[in-house]
Amino acid sequence: MSAATRPARQPAPPPDAAAALAWVDAHRACFGWSTRAWARPWRDFVRAHPGLRVGDALELGAGPRSSLAPLLLGLAERVECSVYDSAALPAVRALNAGLLDAGHHARLRYSQHDLRTLEGRWDLIAMKSVLGGVFRLHDSRLADVHAMLARLVQRNLKPGGLLVTLDNGRTALAPLLARRGARRNGWRLFARADLPPADAHYGFGVLGMGSAATRWGAAGARIDDLLYGCDRLLTPLARQYAVHLNVYRRPP
């Protein structure tokens, strides 16, 4: 492996940061699919914010297969896990209960929220694969995405609070997947420049744009692992990523 393709070695984190990263590694299954690829930018976010601990956190858009709430428990005293459709609440509860011990699961509060009509303020708001589904290609514009993010920062974050968004990225392979899965229904993929300038950005992957495991089970999981290994080599060379994590901060 040449120096150009070898991933940069990062310094060892301090003990408190190491514990935060260990929490991410222990609960990355909450991403639901392609878990290591999605967890990579979240790890980078946690590493870059050592000692981050807030009072109140909100997850927007949890679903039966994926919920960020277990990860938020590592960063917040109180976590509200919300769904768009209240019918999904039993499945989301079961998902998180399977990933957390009873004590940690008891720290979660469940609710129903619509991103577009959200009321209230939190120290930390996080959402995964929400923007692409809400703002689909056939009935919205990028300007609508920008306006919604600005609204969340100004109206729903406490001063100094953080909005963390994880979104599916648009790489050179995107046209090959245009007629597969949710993308057939206009799911929006984002180039980095499509989203407003962020206080911090972390990206990962080129090949891992979908989940083979959700289609082919254990055999698919091995394919996902292979793609993840390739993406570790390709990410330092990439200009566009399969996963984007953006951090927006409301001024104190």
Protein backbone atom coordinates (compact mmCIF):
# COMPACT_ATOMS: atom_id res chain seq x y z
CA MET A 1 0.00 0.00 0.00
CA SER A 2 1.43 3.36 -0.98
CA ALA A 3 1.61 6.37 1.32
CA ALA A 4 -0.98 8.07 -0.89
CA THR A 5 -3.62 5.41 -0.22
CA ARG A 6 -2.75 4.44 3.36
CA PRO A 7 -5.31 5.86 5.83
CA ALA A 8 -3.76 8.49 8.09
CA ARG A 9 -2.92 7.19 11.56
CA GLN A 10 -4.82 9.17 14.19
CA PRO A 11 -3.44 9.84 17.67
CA ALA A 12 -4.86 7.82 20.52
CA PRO A 13 -7.82 9.61 22.13
CA PRO A 14 -7.75 10.65 25.80
CA PRO A 15 -9.51 8.27 28.23
CA ASP A 16 -12.88 10.09 28.23
CA ALA A 17 -12.88 10.27 24.43
CA ALA A 18 -11.88 6.61 24.27
CA ALA A 19 -14.94 5.73 26.35
CA ALA A 20 -17.16 7.77 24.03
CA LEU A 21 -15.77 5.97 20.99
CA ALA A 22 -16.18 2.61 22.70
CA TRP A 23 -19.85 3.46 23.24
CA VAL A 24 -20.22 4.12 19.50
CA ASP A 25 -18.55 0.83 18.63
CA ALA A 26 -20.75 -1.07 21.08
CA HIS A 27 -23.98 0.40 19.68
CA ARG A 28 -23.30 0.89 15.97
CA ALA A 29 -25.85 -1.82 15.16
CA CYS A 30 -28.46 0.90 15.71
CA PHE A 31 -27.65 2.19 12.21
CA GLY A 32 -29.47 -0.85 10.90
CA TRP A 33 -27.56 -1.48 7.67
CA SER A 34 -24.02 -0.89 6.42
CA THR A 35 -23.38 -0.17 10.08
CA ARG A 36 -19.62 0.30 9.93
CA ALA A 37 -19.89 2.72 7.00
CA TRP A 38 -22.51 4.85 8.77
CA ALA A 39 -20.69 4.65 12.10
CA ARG A 40 -17.43 5.92 10.65
CA PRO A 41 -18.42 9.61 10.28
CA TRP A 42 -20.27 9.45 13.63
CA ARG A 43 -17.02 8.25 15.24
CA ASP A 44 -15.20 11.14 13.59
CA PHE A 45 -17.79 13.54 15.00
CA VAL A 46 -17.46 12.13 18.51
CA ARG A 47 -13.66 12.14 18.29
CA ALA A 48 -13.68 15.79 17.21
CA HIS A 49 -15.92 16.78 20.14
CA PRO A 50 -14.22 15.23 23.17
CA GLY A 51 -16.14 15.65 26.38
CA LEU A 52 -19.38 16.58 24.59
CA ARG A 53 -22.20 16.09 27.09
CA VAL A 54 -25.55 17.85 26.81
CA GLY A 55 -28.76 17.88 28.77
CA ASP A 56 -31.49 17.19 26.21
CA ALA A 57 -31.16 15.44 22.85
CA LEU A 58 -33.75 14.61 20.20
CA GLU A 59 -33.68 12.06 17.43
CA LEU A 60 -35.90 12.92 14.48
CA GLY A 61 -37.14 10.20 12.16
CA ALA A 62 -36.31 6.96 13.96
CA GLY A 63 -37.58 3.89 12.14
CA PRO A 64 -38.15 0.16 12.68
CA ARG A 65 -34.71 -0.67 11.27
CA SER A 66 -32.61 2.28 12.37
CA SER A 67 -32.48 4.61 15.37
CA LEU A 68 -29.76 6.96 16.56
CA ALA A 69 -31.14 7.09 20.11
CA PRO A 70 -28.66 4.54 21.53
CA LEU A 71 -25.78 6.66 20.25
CA LEU A 72 -27.30 9.84 21.68
CA LEU A 73 -27.38 8.22 25.12
CA GLY A 74 -23.59 8.45 25.04
CA LEU A 75 -23.78 12.22 24.61
CA ALA A 76 -26.86 13.38 26.53
CA GLU A 77 -28.48 13.07 29.93
CA ARG A 78 -31.99 12.81 28.47
CA VAL A 79 -32.86 11.48 25.01
CA GLU A 80 -36.16 11.77 23.16
CA CYS A 81 -36.55 9.30 20.32
CA SER A 82 -39.20 10.46 17.86
CA VAL A 83 -40.87 8.88 14.85
CA TYR A 84 -42.82 10.45 12.01
CA ASP A 85 -45.56 7.81 12.08
CA SER A 86 -46.74 6.78 15.54
CA ALA A 87 -47.53 3.32 14.18
CA ALA A 88 -43.77 2.69 14.08
CA LEU A 89 -43.30 3.29 17.82
CA PRO A 90 -43.65 -0.36 18.97
CA ALA A 91 -41.05 -1.53 16.45
CA VAL A 92 -38.65 1.30 17.34
CA ARG A 93 -39.03 0.53 21.05
CA ALA A 94 -38.27 -3.13 20.39
CA LEU A 95 -35.26 -2.25 18.25
CA ASN A 96 -33.70 -0.06 20.94
CA ALA A 97 -34.61 -2.46 23.76
CA GLY A 98 -32.63 -5.13 21.93
CA LEU A 99 -29.53 -2.91 21.82
CA LEU A 100 -29.61 -1.44 25.34
CA ASP A 101 -29.74 -2.80 28.85
CA ALA A 102 -32.86 -2.00 30.85
CA GLY A 103 -31.24 0.89 32.72
CA HIS A 104 -30.14 2.71 29.61
CA HIS A 105 -33.36 2.00 27.76
CA ALA A 106 -35.29 3.55 30.62
CA ARG A 107 -33.53 6.84 29.88
CA LEU A 108 -35.27 7.06 26.50
CA ARG A 109 -38.56 8.87 26.00
CA TYR A 110 -40.58 8.15 22.86
CA SER A 111 -42.68 10.62 20.89
CA GLN A 112 -44.05 11.52 17.47
CA HIS A 113 -42.77 14.60 15.63
CA ASP A 114 -42.99 15.95 12.11
CA LEU A 115 -39.77 17.61 11.02
CA ARG A 116 -41.74 20.33 9.25
CA THR A 117 -43.83 21.36 12.26
CA LEU A 118 -41.39 20.70 15.08
CA GLU A 119 -41.90 22.69 18.28
CA GLY A 120 -39.56 22.86 21.27
CA ARG A 121 -35.83 23.33 21.84
CA TRP A 122 -33.04 20.87 22.49
CA ASP A 123 -29.28 20.97 23.06
CA LEU A 124 -28.67 18.36 20.36
CA ILE A 125 -30.85 17.22 17.46
CA ALA A 126 -29.79 14.33 15.24
CA MET A 127 -31.37 12.66 12.23
CA LYS A 128 -30.31 9.96 9.79
CA SER A 129 -31.59 9.60 6.21
CA VAL A 130 -34.41 12.02 6.88
CA LEU A 131 -33.74 14.91 4.51
CA GLY A 132 -33.58 12.68 1.42
CA GLY A 133 -36.96 11.15 2.19
CA VAL A 134 -38.78 14.33 3.18
CA PHE A 135 -37.41 16.45 0.33
CA ARG A 136 -37.76 14.11 -2.62
CA LEU A 137 -36.66 15.06 -6.10
CA HIS A 138 -40.12 15.31 -7.64
CA ASP A 139 -41.74 17.65 -5.11
CA SER A 140 -39.03 19.81 -3.53
CA ARG A 141 -35.97 21.92 -4.22
CA LEU A 142 -32.61 22.25 -2.52
CA ALA A 143 -33.78 25.67 -1.35
CA ASP A 144 -36.44 23.87 0.70
CA VAL A 145 -33.76 21.74 2.37
CA HIS A 146 -31.70 24.83 3.21
CA ALA A 147 -34.72 26.64 4.64
CA MET A 148 -35.62 23.67 6.84
CA LEU A 149 -32.11 23.34 8.24
CA ALA A 150 -32.00 27.07 9.01
CA ARG A 151 -35.37 26.79 10.75
CA LEU A 152 -34.23 23.87 12.91
CA VAL A 153 -31.10 25.72 13.98
CA GLN A 154 -32.86 28.97 14.80
CA ARG A 155 -36.14 27.68 16.25
CA ASN A 156 -35.39 24.26 17.70
CA LEU A 157 -31.87 24.44 19.12
CA LYS A 158 -31.01 26.02 22.41
CA PRO A 159 -28.21 28.62 22.26
CA GLY A 160 -24.95 26.80 21.56
CA GLY A 161 -26.86 23.68 20.50
CA LEU A 162 -25.89 21.28 17.70
CA LEU A 163 -27.85 19.89 14.76
CA VAL A 164 -26.28 16.70 13.35
CA THR A 165 -27.52 15.37 10.02
CA LEU A 166 -26.51 12.09 8.38
CA ASP A 167 -27.48 11.78 4.74
CA ASN A 168 -27.00 9.52 1.77
CA GLY A 169 -24.40 10.99 -0.56
CA ARG A 170 -24.37 11.19 -4.33
CA THR A 171 -21.22 9.60 -5.71
CA ALA A 172 -20.32 8.68 -9.28
CA LEU A 173 -22.16 5.38 -8.77
CA ALA A 174 -25.50 7.05 -8.03
CA PRO A 175 -26.88 6.71 -11.60
CA LEU A 176 -26.44 2.93 -11.38
CA LEU A 177 -28.78 2.79 -8.39
CA ALA A 178 -31.37 5.29 -9.61
CA ARG A 179 -34.03 2.61 -10.15
CA ARG A 180 -33.37 0.58 -7.00
CA GLY A 181 -35.05 0.72 -3.60
CA ALA A 182 -36.25 4.07 -2.31
CA ARG A 183 -34.40 5.86 -5.10
CA ARG A 184 -37.12 4.73 -7.51
CA ASN A 185 -39.45 7.01 -5.57
CA GLY A 186 -37.35 10.13 -5.91
CA TRP A 187 -35.21 9.77 -2.78
CA ARG A 188 -32.76 12.65 -2.80
CA LEU A 189 -29.04 11.96 -2.66
CA PHE A 190 -26.77 14.84 -1.72
CA ALA A 191 -23.47 16.04 -3.05
CA ARG A 192 -21.53 17.83 -0.36
CA ALA A 193 -22.15 21.22 -1.99
CA ASP A 194 -25.93 20.59 -2.05
CA LEU A 195 -26.15 21.18 1.69
CA PRO A 196 -25.48 24.49 3.47
CA PRO A 197 -21.93 25.11 4.68
CA ALA A 198 -21.58 23.34 8.01
CA ASP A 199 -19.56 24.04 11.13
CA ALA A 200 -18.07 20.58 10.61
CA HIS A 201 -18.38 17.90 7.94
CA TYR A 202 -17.37 14.23 8.00
CA GLY A 203 -17.75 11.97 5.00
CA PHE A 204 -17.10 8.33 4.26
CA GLY A 205 -17.31 5.84 1.46
CA VAL A 206 -17.76 5.66 -2.29
CA LEU A 207 -18.98 2.13 -2.98
CA GLY A 208 -21.26 1.49 0.00
CA MET A 209 -24.35 3.33 -1.25
CA GLY A 210 -26.82 0.62 -0.33
CA SER A 211 -27.12 -2.43 1.89
CA ALA A 212 -26.53 -5.89 0.50
CA ALA A 213 -27.36 -7.38 3.91
CA THR A 214 -30.97 -6.20 3.79
CA ARG A 215 -31.41 -8.03 0.48
CA TRP A 216 -29.27 -11.17 0.88
CA GLY A 217 -28.83 -11.67 4.61
CA ALA A 218 -25.53 -13.12 5.84
CA ALA A 219 -24.09 -13.32 2.32
CA GLY A 220 -24.98 -9.69 1.78
CA ALA A 221 -23.35 -8.73 5.08
CA ARG A 222 -20.09 -10.17 3.80
CA ILE A 223 -20.45 -8.03 0.68
CA ASP A 224 -21.02 -4.96 2.88
CA ASP A 225 -17.86 -5.80 4.85
CA LEU A 226 -15.88 -6.11 1.62
CA LEU A 227 -17.19 -2.76 0.35
CA TYR A 228 -16.38 -1.16 3.71
CA GLY A 229 -12.78 -2.35 3.44
CA CYS A 230 -12.50 -0.91 -0.04
CA ASP A 231 -14.09 2.35 1.08
CA ARG A 232 -11.50 2.77 3.83
CA LEU A 233 -8.90 2.98 1.06
CA LEU A 234 -10.98 5.08 -1.33
CA THR A 235 -12.32 7.68 1.11
CA PRO A 236 -9.08 9.70 1.43
CA LEU A 237 -9.04 10.03 -2.38
CA ALA A 238 -12.72 10.82 -2.86
CA ARG A 239 -14.36 14.17 -3.57
CA GLN A 240 -17.90 12.92 -2.95
CA TYR A 241 -18.97 10.47 -0.27
CA ALA A 242 -21.67 7.85 0.16
CA VAL A 243 -22.39 9.15 3.67
CA HIS A 244 -22.32 12.78 4.80
CA LEU A 245 -22.43 13.94 8.42
CA ASN A 246 -22.88 17.67 8.88
CA VAL A 247 -22.82 19.62 12.14
CA TYR A 248 -24.63 22.95 12.43
CA ARG A 249 -24.29 25.03 15.58
CA ARG A 250 -26.57 27.72 16.90
CA PRO A 251 -24.47 30.59 18.28
CA PRO A 252 -24.47 30.86 22.10
